[in-house]
Amino acid sequence: MKNEAKGEVLIDNKRTRVTKWFFQKGSATGWHRHEYDYVVIPMLNGKLKLISESGEEKISELEEGAPYFRKAGTKHNVVNVNNFDYIFFEIEIK
């Protein structure tokens, strides 16, 4: 990948952490494991490639404003495969 996605923590307290993720075209988060349950809110329609710990690749089609929930423990790398920059908010539940 040409560079890493940038996460800006907007709220971090005892109960939640809210991060705004910005992906340039082709950028990725790098390998990470989610320590908390979390909700993602996409800010644009688009596609992200999810690469699992086992190497399985999946394209996730995201809809602007349509949140989704995932459990803690997920380990993956997330890649922006759009021809444009991409943004989503991640809300972790501590």
PDB file of N, CA and C in Angstrom:
ATOM      1  N   MET A   1       0.835  -1.180   0.000  1.00  0.00           N
ATOM      2  CA  MET A   1       0.000   0.000   0.000  1.00  0.00           C
ATOM      3  C   MET A   1       0.882   1.245   0.000  1.00  0.00           C
ATOM      4  N   LYS A   2       0.365   2.284  -0.605  1.00  0.00           N
ATOM      5  CA  LYS A   2       1.198   3.481  -0.702  1.00  0.00           C
ATOM      6  C   LYS A   2       1.312   4.230   0.616  1.00  0.00           C
ATOM      7  N   ASN A   3       0.300   4.108   1.485  1.00  0.00           N
ATOM      8  CA  ASN A   3       0.387   4.756   2.787  1.00  0.00           C
ATOM      9  C   ASN A   3      -0.688   4.186   3.702  1.00  0.00           C
ATOM     10  N   GLU A   4      -0.635   4.590   4.935  1.00  0.00           N
ATOM     11  CA  GLU A   4      -1.598   4.087   5.905  1.00  0.00           C
ATOM     12  C   GLU A   4      -2.748   5.065   6.082  1.00  0.00           C
ATOM     13  N   ALA A   5      -3.922   4.481   6.363  1.00  0.00           N
ATOM     14  CA  ALA A   5      -5.078   5.296   6.704  1.00  0.00           C
ATOM     15  C   ALA A   5      -4.755   6.075   7.979  1.00  0.00           C
ATOM     16  N   LYS A   6      -5.421   7.196   8.154  1.00  0.00           N
ATOM     17  CA  LYS A   6      -5.169   8.034   9.329  1.00  0.00           C
ATOM     18  C   LYS A   6      -6.403   8.034  10.219  1.00  0.00           C
ATOM     19  N   GLY A   7      -6.188   7.714  11.486  1.00  0.00           N
ATOM     20  CA  GLY A   7      -7.267   7.733  12.460  1.00  0.00           C
ATOM     21  C   GLY A   7      -7.111   8.913  13.402  1.00  0.00           C
ATOM     22  N   GLU A   8      -8.193   9.672  13.569  1.00  0.00           N
ATOM     23  CA  GLU A   8      -8.196  10.804  14.490  1.00  0.00           C
ATOM     24  C   GLU A   8      -9.193  10.494  15.607  1.00  0.00           C
ATOM     25  N   VAL A   9      -8.680  10.307  16.827  1.00  0.00           N
ATOM     26  CA  VAL A   9      -9.553  10.019  17.962  1.00  0.00           C
ATOM     27  C   VAL A   9     -10.250  11.313  18.373  1.00  0.00           C
ATOM     28  N   LEU A  10     -11.584  11.288  18.329  1.00  0.00           N
ATOM     29  CA  LEU A  10     -12.383  12.468  18.653  1.00  0.00           C
ATOM     30  C   LEU A  10     -12.914  12.431  20.079  1.00  0.00           C
ATOM     31  N   ILE A  11     -13.216  11.233  20.578  1.00  0.00           N
ATOM     32  CA  ILE A  11     -13.700  11.039  21.953  1.00  0.00           C
ATOM     33  C   ILE A  11     -13.026   9.785  22.494  1.00  0.00           C
ATOM     34  N   ASP A  12     -12.531   9.848  23.719  1.00  0.00           N
ATOM     35  CA  ASP A  12     -11.973   8.666  24.374  1.00  0.00           C
ATOM     36  C   ASP A  12     -12.207   8.816  25.871  1.00  0.00           C
ATOM     37  N   ASN A  13     -13.191   8.067  26.369  1.00  0.00           N
ATOM     38  CA  ASN A  13     -13.507   8.127  27.790  1.00  0.00           C
ATOM     39  C   ASN A  13     -13.693   6.715  28.332  1.00  0.00           C
ATOM     40  N   LYS A  14     -14.218   6.565  29.537  1.00  0.00           N
ATOM     41  CA  LYS A  14     -14.363   5.247  30.149  1.00  0.00           C
ATOM     42  C   LYS A  14     -15.292   4.313  29.384  1.00  0.00           C
ATOM     43  N   ARG A  15     -16.248   4.861  28.638  1.00  0.00           N
ATOM     44  CA  ARG A  15     -17.272   4.036  27.996  1.00  0.00           C
ATOM     45  C   ARG A  15     -17.138   3.892  26.488  1.00  0.00           C
ATOM     46  N   THR A  16     -16.574   4.889  25.825  1.00  0.00           N
ATOM     47  CA  THR A  16     -16.499   4.854  24.367  1.00  0.00           C
ATOM     48  C   THR A  16     -15.222   5.495  23.841  1.00  0.00           C
ATOM     49  N   ARG A  17     -14.899   5.099  22.607  1.00  0.00           N
ATOM     50  CA  ARG A  17     -13.849   5.785  21.850  1.00  0.00           C
ATOM     51  C   ARG A  17     -14.410   5.973  20.437  1.00  0.00           C
ATOM     52  N   VAL A  18     -14.361   7.195  19.945  1.00  0.00           N
ATOM     53  CA  VAL A  18     -14.850   7.515  18.607  1.00  0.00           C
ATOM     54  C   VAL A  18     -13.655   7.974  17.782  1.00  0.00           C
ATOM     55  N   THR A  19     -13.448   7.292  16.650  1.00  0.00           N
ATOM     56  CA  THR A  19     -12.328   7.610  15.768  1.00  0.00           C
ATOM     57  C   THR A  19     -12.844   7.906  14.372  1.00  0.00           C
ATOM     58  N   LYS A  20     -12.364   8.987  13.798  1.00  0.00           N
ATOM     59  CA  LYS A  20     -12.655   9.314  12.395  1.00  0.00           C
ATOM     60  C   LYS A  20     -11.505   8.748  11.564  1.00  0.00           C
ATOM     61  N   TRP A  21     -11.831   7.836  10.638  1.00  0.00           N
ATOM     62  CA  TRP A  21     -10.822   7.216   9.782  1.00  0.00           C
ATOM     63  C   TRP A  21     -10.860   7.842   8.392  1.00  0.00           C
ATOM     64  N   PHE A  22      -9.698   8.254   7.910  1.00  0.00           N
ATOM     65  CA  PHE A  22      -9.552   8.832   6.577  1.00  0.00           C
ATOM     66  C   PHE A  22      -8.598   7.963   5.769  1.00  0.00           C
ATOM     67  N   PHE A  23      -9.070   7.485   4.639  1.00  0.00           N
ATOM     68  CA  PHE A  23      -8.281   6.636   3.749  1.00  0.00           C
ATOM     69  C   PHE A  23      -8.059   7.358   2.427  1.00  0.00           C
ATOM     70  N   GLN A  24      -6.811   7.612   2.087  1.00  0.00           N
ATOM     71  CA  GLN A  24      -6.537   8.051   0.727  1.00  0.00           C
ATOM     72  C   GLN A  24      -6.754   6.852  -0.188  1.00  0.00           C
ATOM     73  N   LYS A  25      -6.953   7.109  -1.453  1.00  0.00           N
ATOM     74  CA  LYS A  25      -7.114   6.032  -2.430  1.00  0.00           C
ATOM     75  C   LYS A  25      -5.944   5.052  -2.294  1.00  0.00           C
ATOM     76  N   GLY A  26      -6.260   3.771  -2.092  1.00  0.00           N
ATOM     77  CA  GLY A  26      -5.223   2.744  -2.000  1.00  0.00           C
ATOM     78  C   GLY A  26      -4.606   2.567  -0.631  1.00  0.00           C
ATOM     79  N   SER A  27      -4.954   3.391   0.348  1.00  0.00           N
ATOM     80  CA  SER A  27      -4.338   3.267   1.673  1.00  0.00           C
ATOM     81  C   SER A  27      -5.016   2.183   2.501  1.00  0.00           C
ATOM     82  N   ALA A  28      -4.356   1.773   3.579  1.00  0.00           N
ATOM     83  CA  ALA A  28      -4.843   0.686   4.428  1.00  0.00           C
ATOM     84  C   ALA A  28      -4.603   1.011   5.893  1.00  0.00           C
ATOM     85  N   THR A  29      -5.360   0.340   6.762  1.00  0.00           N
ATOM     86  CA  THR A  29      -5.187   0.540   8.200  1.00  0.00           C
ATOM     87  C   THR A  29      -3.932  -0.140   8.714  1.00  0.00           C
ATOM     88  N   GLY A  30      -3.501  -1.202   8.045  1.00  0.00           N
ATOM     89  CA  GLY A  30      -2.461  -2.076   8.593  1.00  0.00           C
ATOM     90  C   GLY A  30      -3.151  -3.092   9.500  1.00  0.00           C
ATOM     91  N   TRP A  31      -2.438  -4.143   9.839  1.00  0.00           N
ATOM     92  CA  TRP A  31      -3.012  -5.209  10.660  1.00  0.00           C
ATOM     93  C   TRP A  31      -3.332  -4.697  12.052  1.00  0.00           C
ATOM     94  N   HIS A  32      -4.538  -5.010  12.517  1.00  0.00           N
ATOM     95  CA  HIS A  32      -4.951  -4.604  13.858  1.00  0.00           C
ATOM     96  C   HIS A  32      -6.031  -5.554  14.376  1.00  0.00           C
ATOM     97  N   ARG A  33      -6.128  -5.644  15.687  1.00  0.00           N
ATOM     98  CA  ARG A  33      -7.152  -6.451  16.357  1.00  0.00           C
ATOM     99  C   ARG A  33      -8.040  -5.510  17.165  1.00  0.00           C
ATOM    100  N   HIS A  34      -9.338  -5.682  17.013  1.00  0.00           N
ATOM    101  CA  HIS A  34     -10.290  -4.853  17.747  1.00  0.00           C
ATOM    102  C   HIS A  34     -10.447  -5.388  19.168  1.00  0.00           C
ATOM    103  N   GLU A  35     -10.096  -4.566  20.151  1.00  0.00           N
ATOM    104  CA  GLU A  35     -10.192  -5.000  21.542  1.00  0.00           C
ATOM    105  C   GLU A  35     -11.577  -4.797  22.136  1.00  0.00           C
ATOM    106  N   TYR A  36     -12.426  -4.044  21.454  1.00  0.00           N
ATOM    107  CA  TYR A  36     -13.788  -3.772  21.929  1.00  0.00           C
ATOM    108  C   TYR A  36     -14.808  -4.049  20.809  1.00  0.00           C
ATOM    109  N   ASP A  37     -16.066  -4.308  21.203  1.00  0.00           N
ATOM    110  CA  ASP A  37     -17.151  -4.299  20.230  1.00  0.00           C
ATOM    111  C   ASP A  37     -17.171  -2.909  19.600  1.00  0.00           C
ATOM    112  N   TYR A  38     -17.609  -2.839  18.331  1.00  0.00           N
ATOM    113  CA  TYR A  38     -17.588  -1.535  17.673  1.00  0.00           C
ATOM    114  C   TYR A  38     -18.679  -1.396  16.614  1.00  0.00           C
ATOM    115  N   VAL A  39     -18.992  -0.145  16.308  1.00  0.00           N
ATOM    116  CA  VAL A  39     -19.936   0.221  15.264  1.00  0.00           C
ATOM    117  C   VAL A  39     -19.197   1.127  14.284  1.00  0.00           C
ATOM    118  N   VAL A  40     -19.388   0.868  12.990  1.00  0.00           N
ATOM    119  CA  VAL A  40     -18.810   1.715  11.947  1.00  0.00           C
ATOM    120  C   VAL A  40     -19.947   2.445  11.239  1.00  0.00           C
ATOM    121  N   ILE A  41     -19.755   3.747  11.018  1.00  0.00           N
ATOM    122  CA  ILE A  41     -20.722   4.551  10.271  1.00  0.00           C
ATOM    123  C   ILE A  41     -20.011   5.122   9.040  1.00  0.00           C
ATOM    124  N   PRO A  42     -20.298   4.572   7.854  1.00  0.00           N
ATOM    125  CA  PRO A  42     -19.685   5.079   6.624  1.00  0.00           C
ATOM    126  C   PRO A  42     -20.200   6.480   6.297  1.00  0.00           C
ATOM    127  N   MET A  43     -19.331   7.321   5.822  1.00  0.00           N
ATOM    128  CA  MET A  43     -19.715   8.685   5.444  1.00  0.00           C
ATOM    129  C   MET A  43     -19.933   8.825   3.938  1.00  0.00           C
ATOM    130  N   LEU A  44     -19.617   7.771   3.190  1.00  0.00           N
ATOM    131  CA  LEU A  44     -19.768   7.764   1.733  1.00  0.00           C
ATOM    132  C   LEU A  44     -20.184   6.374   1.282  1.00  0.00           C
ATOM    133  N   ASN A  45     -20.816   6.276   0.127  1.00  0.00           N
ATOM    134  CA  ASN A  45     -20.985   4.978  -0.515  1.00  0.00           C
ATOM    135  C   ASN A  45     -19.615   4.556  -1.022  1.00  0.00           C
ATOM    136  N   GLY A  46     -19.292   3.279  -0.910  1.00  0.00           N
ATOM    137  CA  GLY A  46     -17.998   2.833  -1.400  1.00  0.00           C
ATOM    138  C   GLY A  46     -17.715   1.404  -1.034  1.00  0.00           C
ATOM    139  N   LYS A  47     -16.495   0.964  -1.360  1.00  0.00           N
ATOM    140  CA  LYS A  47     -16.069  -0.409  -1.111  1.00  0.00           C
ATOM    141  C   LYS A  47     -14.741  -0.401  -0.369  1.00  0.00           C
ATOM    142  N   LEU A  48     -14.649  -1.288   0.612  1.00  0.00           N
ATOM    143  CA  LEU A  48     -13.390  -1.510   1.314  1.00  0.00           C
ATOM    144  C   LEU A  48     -13.065  -2.993   1.237  1.00  0.00           C
ATOM    145  N   LYS A  49     -11.795  -3.305   1.048  1.00  0.00           N
ATOM    146  CA  LYS A  49     -11.357  -4.698   1.056  1.00  0.00           C
ATOM    147  C   LYS A  49     -10.950  -5.060   2.476  1.00  0.00           C
ATOM    148  N   LEU A  50     -11.513  -6.154   2.985  1.00  0.00           N
ATOM    149  CA  LEU A  50     -11.162  -6.662   4.311  1.00  0.00           C
ATOM    150  C   LEU A  50     -10.324  -7.911   4.126  1.00  0.00           C
ATOM    151  N   ILE A  51      -9.135  -7.913   4.697  1.00  0.00           N
ATOM    152  CA  ILE A  51      -8.251  -9.068   4.612  1.00  0.00           C
ATOM    153  C   ILE A  51      -8.172  -9.669   6.014  1.00  0.00           C
ATOM    154  N   SER A  52      -8.636 -10.918   6.137  1.00  0.00           N
ATOM    155  CA  SER A  52      -8.687 -11.572   7.448  1.00  0.00           C
ATOM    156  C   SER A  52      -7.316 -12.109   7.846  1.00  0.00           C
ATOM    157  N   GLU A  53      -7.241 -12.531   9.085  1.00  0.00           N
ATOM    158  CA  GLU A  53      -6.008 -13.100   9.636  1.00  0.00           C
ATOM    159  C   GLU A  53      -5.565 -14.324   8.836  1.00  0.00           C
ATOM    160  N   SER A  54      -6.520 -15.072   8.288  1.00  0.00           N
ATOM    161  CA  SER A  54      -6.205 -16.281   7.507  1.00  0.00           C
ATOM    162  C   SER A  54      -5.839 -15.956   6.060  1.00  0.00           C
ATOM    163  N   GLY A  55      -5.948 -14.679   5.665  1.00  0.00           N
ATOM    164  CA  GLY A  55      -5.621 -14.274   4.305  1.00  0.00           C
ATOM    165  C   GLY A  55      -6.824 -14.170   3.390  1.00  0.00           C
ATOM    166  N   GLU A  56      -8.005 -14.517   3.896  1.00  0.00           N
ATOM    167  CA  GLU A  56      -9.224 -14.406   3.097  1.00  0.00           C
ATOM    168  C   GLU A  56      -9.512 -12.935   2.819  1.00  0.00           C
ATOM    169  N   GLU A  57      -9.863 -12.636   1.563  1.00  0.00           N
ATOM    170  CA  GLU A  57     -10.195 -11.264   1.168  1.00  0.00           C
ATOM    171  C   GLU A  57     -11.681 -11.164   0.856  1.00  0.00           C
ATOM    172  N   LYS A  58     -12.291 -10.081   1.327  1.00  0.00           N
ATOM    173  CA  LYS A  58     -13.715  -9.852   1.095  1.00  0.00           C
ATOM    174  C   LYS A  58     -13.904  -8.380   0.789  1.00  0.00           C
ATOM    175  N   ILE A  59     -14.732  -8.078  -0.206  1.00  0.00           N
ATOM    176  CA  ILE A  59     -15.080  -6.693  -0.503  1.00  0.00           C
ATOM    177  C   ILE A  59     -16.363  -6.360   0.247  1.00  0.00           C
ATOM    178  N   SER A  60     -16.298  -5.326   1.058  1.00  0.00           N
ATOM    179  CA  SER A  60     -17.453  -4.870   1.818  1.00  0.00           C
ATOM    180  C   SER A  60     -18.006  -3.632   1.128  1.00  0.00           C
ATOM    181  N   GLU A  61     -19.275  -3.720   0.700  1.00  0.00           N
ATOM    182  CA  GLU A  61     -19.927  -2.578   0.059  1.00  0.00           C
ATOM    183  C   GLU A  61     -20.645  -1.774   1.125  1.00  0.00           C
ATOM    184  N   LEU A  62     -20.245  -0.528   1.280  1.00  0.00           N
ATOM    185  CA  LEU A  62     -20.750   0.322   2.349  1.00  0.00           C
ATOM    186  C   LEU A  62     -21.660   1.405   1.796  1.00  0.00           C
ATOM    187  N   GLU A  63     -22.694   1.695   2.580  1.00  0.00           N
ATOM    188  CA  GLU A  63     -23.663   2.707   2.184  1.00  0.00           C
ATOM    189  C   GLU A  63     -23.569   3.895   3.134  1.00  0.00           C
ATOM    190  N   GLU A  64     -23.529   5.083   2.579  1.00  0.00           N
ATOM    191  CA  GLU A  64     -23.434   6.303   3.386  1.00  0.00           C
ATOM    192  C   GLU A  64     -24.491   6.304   4.489  1.00  0.00           C
ATOM    193  N   GLY A  65     -24.039   6.476   5.728  1.00  0.00           N
ATOM    194  CA  GLY A  65     -24.938   6.599   6.868  1.00  0.00           C
ATOM    195  C   GLY A  65     -25.525   5.299   7.390  1.00  0.00           C
ATOM    196  N   ALA A  66     -25.211   4.156   6.775  1.00  0.00           N
ATOM    197  CA  ALA A  66     -25.762   2.861   7.203  1.00  0.00           C
ATOM    198  C   ALA A  66     -24.765   2.157   8.125  1.00  0.00           C
ATOM    199  N   PRO A  67     -24.982   2.193   9.440  1.00  0.00           N
ATOM    200  CA  PRO A  67     -24.019   1.628  10.386  1.00  0.00           C
ATOM    201  C   PRO A  67     -24.033   0.104  10.387  1.00  0.00           C
ATOM    202  N   TYR A  68     -22.918  -0.475  10.830  1.00  0.00           N
ATOM    203  CA  TYR A  68     -22.869  -1.911  11.080  1.00  0.00           C
ATOM    204  C   TYR A  68     -22.084  -2.170  12.360  1.00  0.00           C
ATOM    205  N   PHE A  69     -22.339  -3.320  12.985  1.00  0.00           N
ATOM    206  CA  PHE A  69     -21.769  -3.702  14.281  1.00  0.00           C
ATOM    207  C   PHE A  69     -20.860  -4.915  14.107  1.00  0.00           C
ATOM    208  N   ARG A  70     -19.747  -4.944  14.849  1.00  0.00           N
ATOM    209  CA  ARG A  70     -18.852  -6.102  14.882  1.00  0.00           C
ATOM    210  C   ARG A  70     -18.421  -6.354  16.326  1.00  0.00           C
ATOM    211  N   LYS A  71     -18.157  -7.617  16.627  1.00  0.00           N
ATOM    212  CA  LYS A  71     -17.714  -8.019  17.964  1.00  0.00           C
ATOM    213  C   LYS A  71     -16.209  -7.797  18.124  1.00  0.00           C
ATOM    214  N   ALA A  72     -15.790  -7.660  19.367  1.00  0.00           N
ATOM    215  CA  ALA A  72     -14.369  -7.550  19.700  1.00  0.00           C
ATOM    216  C   ALA A  72     -13.639  -8.810  19.240  1.00  0.00           C
ATOM    217  N   GLY A  73     -12.346  -8.660  18.975  1.00  0.00           N
ATOM    218  CA  GLY A  73     -11.511  -9.799  18.617  1.00  0.00           C
ATOM    219  C   GLY A  73     -11.188  -9.904  17.146  1.00  0.00           C
ATOM    220  N   THR A  74     -11.909  -9.182  16.307  1.00  0.00           N
ATOM    221  CA  THR A  74     -11.646  -9.214  14.867  1.00  0.00           C
ATOM    222  C   THR A  74     -10.228  -8.728  14.598  1.00  0.00           C
ATOM    223  N   LYS A  75      -9.474  -9.496  13.801  1.00  0.00           N
ATOM    224  CA  LYS A  75      -8.141  -9.067  13.383  1.00  0.00           C
ATOM    225  C   LYS A  75      -8.146  -9.010  11.867  1.00  0.00           C
ATOM    226  N   HIS A  76      -7.800  -7.840  11.327  1.00  0.00           N
ATOM    227  CA  HIS A  76      -7.814  -7.678   9.874  1.00  0.00           C
ATOM    228  C   HIS A  76      -7.028  -6.456   9.437  1.00  0.00           C
ATOM    229  N   ASN A  77      -6.930  -6.327   8.122  1.00  0.00           N
ATOM    230  CA  ASN A  77      -6.381  -5.143   7.476  1.00  0.00           C
ATOM    231  C   ASN A  77      -7.491  -4.632   6.564  1.00  0.00           C
ATOM    232  N   VAL A  78      -7.721  -3.323   6.553  1.00  0.00           N
ATOM    233  CA  VAL A  78      -8.787  -2.721   5.754  1.00  0.00           C
ATOM    234  C   VAL A  78      -8.146  -1.824   4.701  1.00  0.00           C
ATOM    235  N   VAL A  79      -8.522  -2.039   3.431  1.00  0.00           N
ATOM    236  CA  VAL A  79      -7.902  -1.336   2.309  1.00  0.00           C
ATOM    237  C   VAL A  79      -8.966  -0.562   1.528  1.00  0.00           C
ATOM    238  N   ASN A  80      -8.677   0.688   1.216  1.00  0.00           N
ATOM    239  CA  ASN A  80      -9.574   1.492   0.375  1.00  0.00           C
ATOM    240  C   ASN A  80      -9.337   1.107  -1.082  1.00  0.00           C
ATOM    241  N   VAL A  81     -10.326   0.440  -1.698  1.00  0.00           N
ATOM    242  CA  VAL A  81     -10.206   0.033  -3.102  1.00  0.00           C
ATOM    243  C   VAL A  81     -11.006   0.943  -4.033  1.00  0.00           C
ATOM    244  N   ASN A  82     -11.513   2.035  -3.496  1.00  0.00           N
ATOM    245  CA  ASN A  82     -12.231   3.010  -4.315  1.00  0.00           C
ATOM    246  C   ASN A  82     -11.248   3.853  -5.120  1.00  0.00           C
ATOM    247  N   ASN A  83     -11.759   4.534  -6.124  1.00  0.00           N
ATOM    248  CA  ASN A  83     -10.946   5.477  -6.898  1.00  0.00           C
ATOM    249  C   ASN A  83     -11.028   6.874  -6.307  1.00  0.00           C
ATOM    250  N   PHE A  84     -11.341   6.935  -5.014  1.00  0.00           N
ATOM    251  CA  PHE A  84     -11.476   8.206  -4.305  1.00  0.00           C
ATOM    252  C   PHE A  84     -11.149   7.982  -2.832  1.00  0.00           C
ATOM    253  N   ASP A  85     -10.903   9.076  -2.120  1.00  0.00           N
ATOM    254  CA  ASP A  85     -10.643   9.006  -0.685  1.00  0.00           C
ATOM    255  C   ASP A  85     -11.915   8.556   0.030  1.00  0.00           C
ATOM    256  N   TYR A  86     -11.746   7.935   1.189  1.00  0.00           N
ATOM    257  CA  TYR A  86     -12.894   7.375   1.906  1.00  0.00           C
ATOM    258  C   TYR A  86     -12.819   7.728   3.387  1.00  0.00           C
ATOM    259  N   ILE A  87     -13.992   7.908   4.015  1.00  0.00           N
ATOM    260  CA  ILE A  87     -14.063   8.276   5.433  1.00  0.00           C
ATOM    261  C   ILE A  87     -15.150   7.454   6.116  1.00  0.00           C
ATOM    262  N   PHE A  88     -14.832   6.980   7.338  1.00  0.00           N
ATOM    263  CA  PHE A  88     -15.882   6.438   8.198  1.00  0.00           C
ATOM    264  C   PHE A  88     -15.567   6.763   9.658  1.00  0.00           C
ATOM    265  N   PHE A  89     -16.603   6.681  10.495  1.00  0.00           N
ATOM    266  CA  PHE A  89     -16.442   6.842  11.935  1.00  0.00           C
ATOM    267  C   PHE A  89     -16.543   5.471  12.574  1.00  0.00           C
ATOM    268  N   GLU A  90     -15.667   5.205  13.529  1.00  0.00           N
ATOM    269  CA  GLU A  90     -15.677   3.957  14.291  1.00  0.00           C
ATOM    270  C   GLU A  90     -15.972   4.294  15.752  1.00  0.00           C
ATOM    271  N   ILE A  91     -17.002   3.664  16.306  1.00  0.00           N
ATOM    272  CA  ILE A  91     -17.380   3.885  17.697  1.00  0.00           C
ATOM    273  C   ILE A  91     -17.141   2.588  18.461  1.00  0.00           C
ATOM    274  N   GLU A  92     -16.171   2.614  19.362  1.00  0.00           N
ATOM    275  CA  GLU A  92     -15.851   1.429  20.157  1.00  0.00           C
ATOM    276  C   GLU A  92     -16.567   1.520  21.499  1.00  0.00           C
ATOM    277  N   ILE A  93     -17.104   0.378  21.940  1.00  0.00           N
ATOM    278  CA  ILE A  93     -17.864   0.301  23.176  1.00  0.00           C
ATOM    279  C   ILE A  93     -17.000  -0.413  24.204  1.00  0.00           C
ATOM    280  N   LYS A  94     -16.530   0.315  25.192  1.00  0.00           N
ATOM    281  CA  LYS A  94     -15.606  -0.241  26.172  1.00  0.00           C
ATOM    282  C   LYS A  94     -16.328  -1.019  27.263  1.00  0.00           C
TER     283      LYS A  94
END
